[in-house]
Amino acid sequence: MAKIVVDVMLKPEILDPQGSAVSAALPRLGFTFAKSVRQGKRFEIEIEGEPTAAQLAEVEVAAEKLLANPVIETFVVRVEK
C-alpha cells in the first residue's frame, strides 16, 4: 500500500485566526521556539500498490474541487513512503 498526502494551507495573504491564537498561546505556556504559526489540513489517501501519474493527477483534481478552496488555499500532493 502507498499513501498519497494532500497538505492544504491558507494562502499567505489570508488571515489565519487559529494559527494566530496558537502563536499567542505558545509563549504563555513557556514555549519560545515559534516566530509565527499557520494552521492547515492534511488528507491521507491510501491506495493499493505504487501510485501512477494518472492517480496523482486524479488526486490533484480532487484537491482542486473538494479538498481545498483554491480562492483562499494552496495545496501540495505528494507520496509518503
C-alpha atoms as a PDB file:
ATOM      1  CA  MET A   1       0.000   0.000   0.000  1.00  0.00           C
ATOM      2  CA  ALA A   2       1.062   3.559  -0.643  1.00  0.00           C
ATOM      3  CA  LYS A   3      -0.113   6.793   0.871  1.00  0.00           C
ATOM      4  CA  ILE A   4      -0.829   9.957  -1.073  1.00  0.00           C
ATOM      5  CA  VAL A   5      -0.859  13.051   1.141  1.00  0.00           C
ATOM      6  CA  VAL A   6      -2.561  16.340   0.324  1.00  0.00           C
ATOM      7  CA  ASP A   7      -1.402  19.238   2.502  1.00  0.00           C
ATOM      8  CA  VAL A   8      -3.720  22.252   2.376  1.00  0.00           C
ATOM      9  CA  MET A   9      -2.718  25.666   3.731  1.00  0.00           C
ATOM     10  CA  LEU A  10      -4.262  29.107   3.686  1.00  0.00           C
ATOM     11  CA  LYS A  11      -2.596  31.415   1.191  1.00  0.00           C
ATOM     12  CA  PRO A  12      -0.059  33.720   2.901  1.00  0.00           C
ATOM     13  CA  GLU A  13      -2.221  36.815   2.336  1.00  0.00           C
ATOM     14  CA  ILE A  14      -5.238  35.239   4.083  1.00  0.00           C
ATOM     15  CA  LEU A  15      -5.590  35.891   7.815  1.00  0.00           C
ATOM     16  CA  ASP A  16      -5.266  32.765   9.961  1.00  0.00           C
ATOM     17  CA  PRO A  17      -7.052  33.349  13.295  1.00  0.00           C
ATOM     18  CA  GLN A  18      -6.470  29.790  14.537  1.00  0.00           C
ATOM     19  CA  GLY A  19      -2.752  29.993  13.755  1.00  0.00           C
ATOM     20  CA  SER A  20      -2.581  33.397  15.461  1.00  0.00           C
ATOM     21  CA  ALA A  21      -4.298  32.005  18.567  1.00  0.00           C
ATOM     22  CA  VAL A  22      -1.818  29.126  18.775  1.00  0.00           C
ATOM     23  CA  SER A  23       1.078  31.518  18.164  1.00  0.00           C
ATOM     24  CA  ALA A  24      -0.093  33.717  21.045  1.00  0.00           C
ATOM     25  CA  ALA A  25      -0.670  30.756  23.387  1.00  0.00           C
ATOM     26  CA  LEU A  26       2.746  29.134  22.938  1.00  0.00           C
ATOM     27  CA  PRO A  27       4.743  31.777  24.871  1.00  0.00           C
ATOM     28  CA  ARG A  28       2.137  31.820  27.640  1.00  0.00           C
ATOM     29  CA  LEU A  29       2.817  28.103  28.062  1.00  0.00           C
ATOM     30  CA  GLY A  30       6.584  28.640  28.138  1.00  0.00           C
ATOM     31  CA  PHE A  31       7.354  27.713  24.506  1.00  0.00           C
ATOM     32  CA  THR A  32       9.549  30.288  22.806  1.00  0.00           C
ATOM     33  CA  PHE A  33      10.617  28.472  19.622  1.00  0.00           C
ATOM     34  CA  ALA A  34       7.960  29.819  17.218  1.00  0.00           C
ATOM     35  CA  LYS A  35       8.120  33.111  15.351  1.00  0.00           C
ATOM     36  CA  SER A  36       4.653  32.500  13.845  1.00  0.00           C
ATOM     37  CA  VAL A  37       2.171  29.664  13.313  1.00  0.00           C
ATOM     38  CA  ARG A  38      -0.100  28.839  10.351  1.00  0.00           C
ATOM     39  CA  GLN A  39      -2.788  26.172  10.624  1.00  0.00           C
ATOM     40  CA  GLY A  40      -3.681  23.809   7.776  1.00  0.00           C
ATOM     41  CA  LYS A  41      -5.263  20.485   6.849  1.00  0.00           C
ATOM     42  CA  ARG A  42      -3.759  17.126   5.887  1.00  0.00           C
ATOM     43  CA  PHE A  43      -5.548  14.415   3.924  1.00  0.00           C
ATOM     44  CA  GLU A  44      -4.094  10.887   3.733  1.00  0.00           C
ATOM     45  CA  ILE A  45      -5.298   8.708   0.868  1.00  0.00           C
ATOM     46  CA  GLU A  46      -4.249   5.048   0.899  1.00  0.00           C
ATOM     47  CA  ILE A  47      -4.080   3.166  -2.392  1.00  0.00           C
ATOM     48  CA  GLU A  48      -3.044  -0.305  -3.489  1.00  0.00           C
ATOM     49  CA  GLY A  49       0.441  -0.530  -4.986  1.00  0.00           C
ATOM     50  CA  GLU A  50       2.578   2.371  -6.100  1.00  0.00           C
ATOM     51  CA  PRO A  51       0.726   5.466  -7.300  1.00  0.00           C
ATOM     52  CA  THR A  52       0.691   6.126 -11.022  1.00  0.00           C
ATOM     53  CA  ALA A  53       0.918   9.514 -12.712  1.00  0.00           C
ATOM     54  CA  ALA A  54      -2.778   9.165 -13.611  1.00  0.00           C
ATOM     55  CA  GLN A  55      -3.738   8.580  -9.960  1.00  0.00           C
ATOM     56  CA  LEU A  56      -1.707  11.564  -8.810  1.00  0.00           C
ATOM     57  CA  ALA A  57      -3.366  13.709 -11.483  1.00  0.00           C
ATOM     58  CA  GLU A  58      -6.765  12.497 -10.293  1.00  0.00           C
ATOM     59  CA  VAL A  59      -5.907  13.412  -6.697  1.00  0.00           C
ATOM     60  CA  GLU A  60      -4.838  16.881  -7.922  1.00  0.00           C
ATOM     61  CA  VAL A  61      -8.277  17.343  -9.500  1.00  0.00           C
ATOM     62  CA  ALA A  62      -9.991  16.104  -6.323  1.00  0.00           C
ATOM     63  CA  ALA A  63      -7.930  18.556  -4.261  1.00  0.00           C
ATOM     64  CA  GLU A  64      -8.922  21.440  -6.553  1.00  0.00           C
ATOM     65  CA  LYS A  65     -12.622  20.515  -6.477  1.00  0.00           C
ATOM     66  CA  LEU A  66     -13.166  19.131  -2.981  1.00  0.00           C
ATOM     67  CA  LEU A  67     -10.252  19.159  -0.552  1.00  0.00           C
ATOM     68  CA  ALA A  68      -9.125  22.782  -0.923  1.00  0.00           C
ATOM     69  CA  ASN A  69     -10.732  26.108  -1.693  1.00  0.00           C
ATOM     70  CA  PRO A  70      -8.396  27.452  -4.405  1.00  0.00           C
ATOM     71  CA  VAL A  71      -9.558  31.020  -3.771  1.00  0.00           C
ATOM     72  CA  ILE A  72      -8.017  31.112  -0.277  1.00  0.00           C
ATOM     73  CA  GLU A  73      -5.938  27.919  -0.006  1.00  0.00           C
ATOM     74  CA  THR A  74      -2.986  26.254  -1.673  1.00  0.00           C
ATOM     75  CA  PHE A  75      -2.267  22.543  -1.684  1.00  0.00           C
ATOM     76  CA  VAL A  76       0.557  20.116  -2.336  1.00  0.00           C
ATOM     77  CA  VAL A  77       0.075  16.492  -3.394  1.00  0.00           C
ATOM     78  CA  ARG A  78       2.883  14.105  -2.511  1.00  0.00           C
ATOM     79  CA  VAL A  79       3.562  10.430  -1.994  1.00  0.00           C
ATOM     80  CA  GLU A  80       4.594   9.419   1.502  1.00  0.00           C
ATOM     81  CA  LYS A  81       6.748   6.333   1.874  1.00  0.00           C
END
